[in-house]
Amino acid sequence: MSTSKKKILISLTPLLLILFWWFFQGYIRGYEINVWYQNNVMLLEAEDEISSIKGESKSCEKGKAFHTENVMCYLKVKTNAVSAQMLINKFKNTEGVMRADFLGDLIKEFND
């Protein structure tokens, strides 16, 4: 390998490490997803939908969020960032879902 190729490879190493970490951090820490259903969705319906997804931990509650009768579900998945975003997009396109977001984004929004 020529010295110019080595220099390029060495200069790209930090960038490659950052990209590697961004893509695979979800397999280590996981992503927390919050799904908020409309009033007409029953708790059992939401639990059935959530239980069909492979995840580390899952839970659904009705009427605990902001004194409404909505069902809110929490899901922690260990996957890459792209697959986690695709899962959120799938929920957003599901009938009866009002909102689906990463839990951290939802918390930041309500704190602002």
C-alpha atoms as a PDB file:
ATOM      1  CA  MET A   1       0.000   0.000   0.000  1.00  0.00           C
ATOM      2  CA  SER A   2       1.356   3.398  -0.904  1.00  0.00           C
ATOM      3  CA  THR A   3       1.892   6.089   1.709  1.00  0.00           C
ATOM      4  CA  SER A   4      -0.855   8.299   0.256  1.00  0.00           C
ATOM      5  CA  LYS A   5      -3.402   5.490   0.648  1.00  0.00           C
ATOM      6  CA  LYS A   6      -2.233   4.911   4.232  1.00  0.00           C
ATOM      7  CA  LYS A   7      -2.639   8.617   5.019  1.00  0.00           C
ATOM      8  CA  ILE A   8      -6.159   8.619   3.601  1.00  0.00           C
ATOM      9  CA  LEU A   9      -7.068   5.494   5.567  1.00  0.00           C
ATOM     10  CA  ILE A  10      -5.648   6.951   8.785  1.00  0.00           C
ATOM     11  CA  SER A  11      -7.490  10.243   8.255  1.00  0.00           C
ATOM     12  CA  LEU A  12     -10.793   8.399   7.670  1.00  0.00           C
ATOM     13  CA  THR A  13     -10.455   6.137  10.722  1.00  0.00           C
ATOM     14  CA  PRO A  14     -12.167   8.509  13.227  1.00  0.00           C
ATOM     15  CA  LEU A  15     -15.070   9.057  10.835  1.00  0.00           C
ATOM     16  CA  LEU A  16     -15.453   5.326  10.247  1.00  0.00           C
ATOM     17  CA  LEU A  17     -15.420   4.675  14.002  1.00  0.00           C
ATOM     18  CA  ILE A  18     -18.145   7.287  14.553  1.00  0.00           C
ATOM     19  CA  LEU A  19     -20.310   5.772  11.807  1.00  0.00           C
ATOM     20  CA  PHE A  20     -19.728   2.289  13.201  1.00  0.00           C
ATOM     21  CA  TRP A  21     -20.723   3.439  16.709  1.00  0.00           C
ATOM     22  CA  TRP A  22     -23.836   5.283  15.438  1.00  0.00           C
ATOM     23  CA  PHE A  23     -25.036   2.237  13.520  1.00  0.00           C
ATOM     24  CA  PHE A  24     -24.373  -0.404  16.195  1.00  0.00           C
ATOM     25  CA  GLN A  25     -25.055   1.457  19.456  1.00  0.00           C
ATOM     26  CA  GLY A  26     -28.665   0.288  19.340  1.00  0.00           C
ATOM     27  CA  TYR A  27     -27.550  -3.311  19.649  1.00  0.00           C
ATOM     28  CA  ILE A  28     -25.757  -2.389  22.892  1.00  0.00           C
ATOM     29  CA  ARG A  29     -28.041   0.168  24.558  1.00  0.00           C
ATOM     30  CA  GLY A  30     -31.257  -0.308  22.639  1.00  0.00           C
ATOM     31  CA  TYR A  31     -33.836   2.252  21.566  1.00  0.00           C
ATOM     32  CA  GLU A  32     -36.853   3.241  23.654  1.00  0.00           C
ATOM     33  CA  ILE A  33     -39.989   3.842  21.618  1.00  0.00           C
ATOM     34  CA  ASN A  34     -43.255   5.338  22.841  1.00  0.00           C
ATOM     35  CA  VAL A  35     -46.503   4.716  20.941  1.00  0.00           C
ATOM     36  CA  TRP A  36     -49.594   6.767  21.765  1.00  0.00           C
ATOM     37  CA  TYR A  37     -52.912   5.371  20.523  1.00  0.00           C
ATOM     38  CA  GLN A  38     -56.208   7.187  19.899  1.00  0.00           C
ATOM     39  CA  ASN A  39     -59.133   6.952  22.335  1.00  0.00           C
ATOM     40  CA  ASN A  40     -60.964   4.322  20.284  1.00  0.00           C
ATOM     41  CA  VAL A  41     -58.100   1.782  20.535  1.00  0.00           C
ATOM     42  CA  MET A  42     -58.587  -0.726  23.334  1.00  0.00           C
ATOM     43  CA  LEU A  43     -55.773  -1.782  25.646  1.00  0.00           C
ATOM     44  CA  LEU A  44     -55.884  -5.396  24.421  1.00  0.00           C
ATOM     45  CA  GLU A  45     -55.578  -4.299  20.785  1.00  0.00           C
ATOM     46  CA  ALA A  46     -52.503  -2.225  21.573  1.00  0.00           C
ATOM     47  CA  GLU A  47     -50.936  -5.010  23.654  1.00  0.00           C
ATOM     48  CA  ASP A  48     -51.485  -7.505  20.815  1.00  0.00           C
ATOM     49  CA  GLU A  49     -49.782  -5.222  18.334  1.00  0.00           C
ATOM     50  CA  ILE A  50     -46.840  -4.489  20.650  1.00  0.00           C
ATOM     51  CA  SER A  51     -46.393  -8.148  21.644  1.00  0.00           C
ATOM     52  CA  SER A  52     -45.881  -9.138  17.999  1.00  0.00           C
ATOM     53  CA  ILE A  53     -42.672  -7.075  17.886  1.00  0.00           C
ATOM     54  CA  LYS A  54     -39.395  -8.510  19.060  1.00  0.00           C
ATOM     55  CA  GLY A  55     -38.220  -6.374  21.952  1.00  0.00           C
ATOM     56  CA  GLU A  56     -36.388  -6.419  25.236  1.00  0.00           C
ATOM     57  CA  SER A  57     -39.211  -4.936  27.304  1.00  0.00           C
ATOM     58  CA  LYS A  58     -42.780  -3.910  26.525  1.00  0.00           C
ATOM     59  CA  SER A  59     -45.663  -2.411  28.460  1.00  0.00           C
ATOM     60  CA  CYS A  60     -48.984  -0.695  27.774  1.00  0.00           C
ATOM     61  CA  GLU A  61     -51.176   1.399  30.068  1.00  0.00           C
ATOM     62  CA  LYS A  62     -54.531   3.065  29.578  1.00  0.00           C
ATOM     63  CA  GLY A  63     -55.485   6.436  30.984  1.00  0.00           C
ATOM     64  CA  LYS A  64     -52.205   7.248  32.724  1.00  0.00           C
ATOM     65  CA  ALA A  65     -50.975   9.816  30.224  1.00  0.00           C
ATOM     66  CA  PHE A  66     -52.058  13.396  30.813  1.00  0.00           C
ATOM     67  CA  HIS A  67     -55.391  12.300  32.351  1.00  0.00           C
ATOM     68  CA  THR A  68     -56.751  10.988  29.066  1.00  0.00           C
ATOM     69  CA  GLU A  69     -58.217   7.638  28.116  1.00  0.00           C
ATOM     70  CA  ASN A  70     -55.507   7.024  25.547  1.00  0.00           C
ATOM     71  CA  VAL A  71     -53.389   3.887  25.555  1.00  0.00           C
ATOM     72  CA  MET A  72     -49.647   4.491  25.698  1.00  0.00           C
ATOM     73  CA  CYS A  73     -47.148   1.718  25.038  1.00  0.00           C
ATOM     74  CA  TYR A  74     -43.441   1.535  25.726  1.00  0.00           C
ATOM     75  CA  LEU A  75     -41.116  -0.702  23.758  1.00  0.00           C
ATOM     76  CA  LYS A  76     -37.350  -1.186  24.046  1.00  0.00           C
ATOM     77  CA  VAL A  77     -35.708  -2.778  21.030  1.00  0.00           C
ATOM     78  CA  LYS A  78     -32.092  -3.702  20.418  1.00  0.00           C
ATOM     79  CA  THR A  79     -31.471  -2.961  16.769  1.00  0.00           C
ATOM     80  CA  ASN A  80     -29.681  -0.457  14.569  1.00  0.00           C
ATOM     81  CA  ALA A  81     -30.819   3.153  14.174  1.00  0.00           C
ATOM     82  CA  VAL A  82     -32.261   2.635  10.708  1.00  0.00           C
ATOM     83  CA  SER A  83     -34.434  -0.320  11.759  1.00  0.00           C
ATOM     84  CA  ALA A  84     -35.636   1.560  14.851  1.00  0.00           C
ATOM     85  CA  GLN A  85     -36.718   4.519  12.701  1.00  0.00           C
ATOM     86  CA  MET A  86     -38.455   2.158  10.266  1.00  0.00           C
ATOM     87  CA  LEU A  87     -40.372   0.642  13.205  1.00  0.00           C
ATOM     88  CA  ILE A  88     -41.489   4.107  14.302  1.00  0.00           C
ATOM     89  CA  ASN A  89     -42.587   4.904  10.737  1.00  0.00           C
ATOM     90  CA  LYS A  90     -44.547   1.626  10.666  1.00  0.00           C
ATOM     91  CA  PHE A  91     -46.372   2.650  13.838  1.00  0.00           C
ATOM     92  CA  LYS A  92     -47.077   6.133  12.454  1.00  0.00           C
ATOM     93  CA  ASN A  93     -48.764   4.535   9.436  1.00  0.00           C
ATOM     94  CA  THR A  94     -50.856   2.186  11.594  1.00  0.00           C
ATOM     95  CA  GLU A  95     -54.530   3.049  11.967  1.00  0.00           C
ATOM     96  CA  GLY A  96     -55.363   4.229  15.469  1.00  0.00           C
ATOM     97  CA  VAL A  97     -51.880   5.509  16.332  1.00  0.00           C
ATOM     98  CA  MET A  98     -51.780   9.196  17.240  1.00  0.00           C
ATOM     99  CA  ARG A  99     -48.060   9.419  17.767  1.00  0.00           C
ATOM    100  CA  ALA A 100     -44.934   7.261  17.736  1.00  0.00           C
ATOM    101  CA  ASP A 101     -41.511   8.609  18.716  1.00  0.00           C
ATOM    102  CA  PHE A 102     -38.279   7.791  20.438  1.00  0.00           C
ATOM    103  CA  LEU A 103     -38.951   8.235  24.150  1.00  0.00           C
ATOM    104  CA  GLY A 104     -36.055  10.688  24.520  1.00  0.00           C
ATOM    105  CA  ASP A 105     -37.475  12.954  21.796  1.00  0.00           C
ATOM    106  CA  LEU A 106     -40.893  12.920  23.450  1.00  0.00           C
ATOM    107  CA  ILE A 107     -39.442  13.850  26.847  1.00  0.00           C
ATOM    108  CA  LYS A 108     -37.404  16.708  25.324  1.00  0.00           C
ATOM    109  CA  GLU A 109     -40.487  18.059  23.570  1.00  0.00           C
ATOM    110  CA  PHE A 110     -42.611  18.087  26.721  1.00  0.00           C
ATOM    111  CA  ASN A 111     -39.811  19.684  28.753  1.00  0.00           C
ATOM    112  CA  ASP A 112     -39.452  22.573  26.282  1.00  0.00           C
END
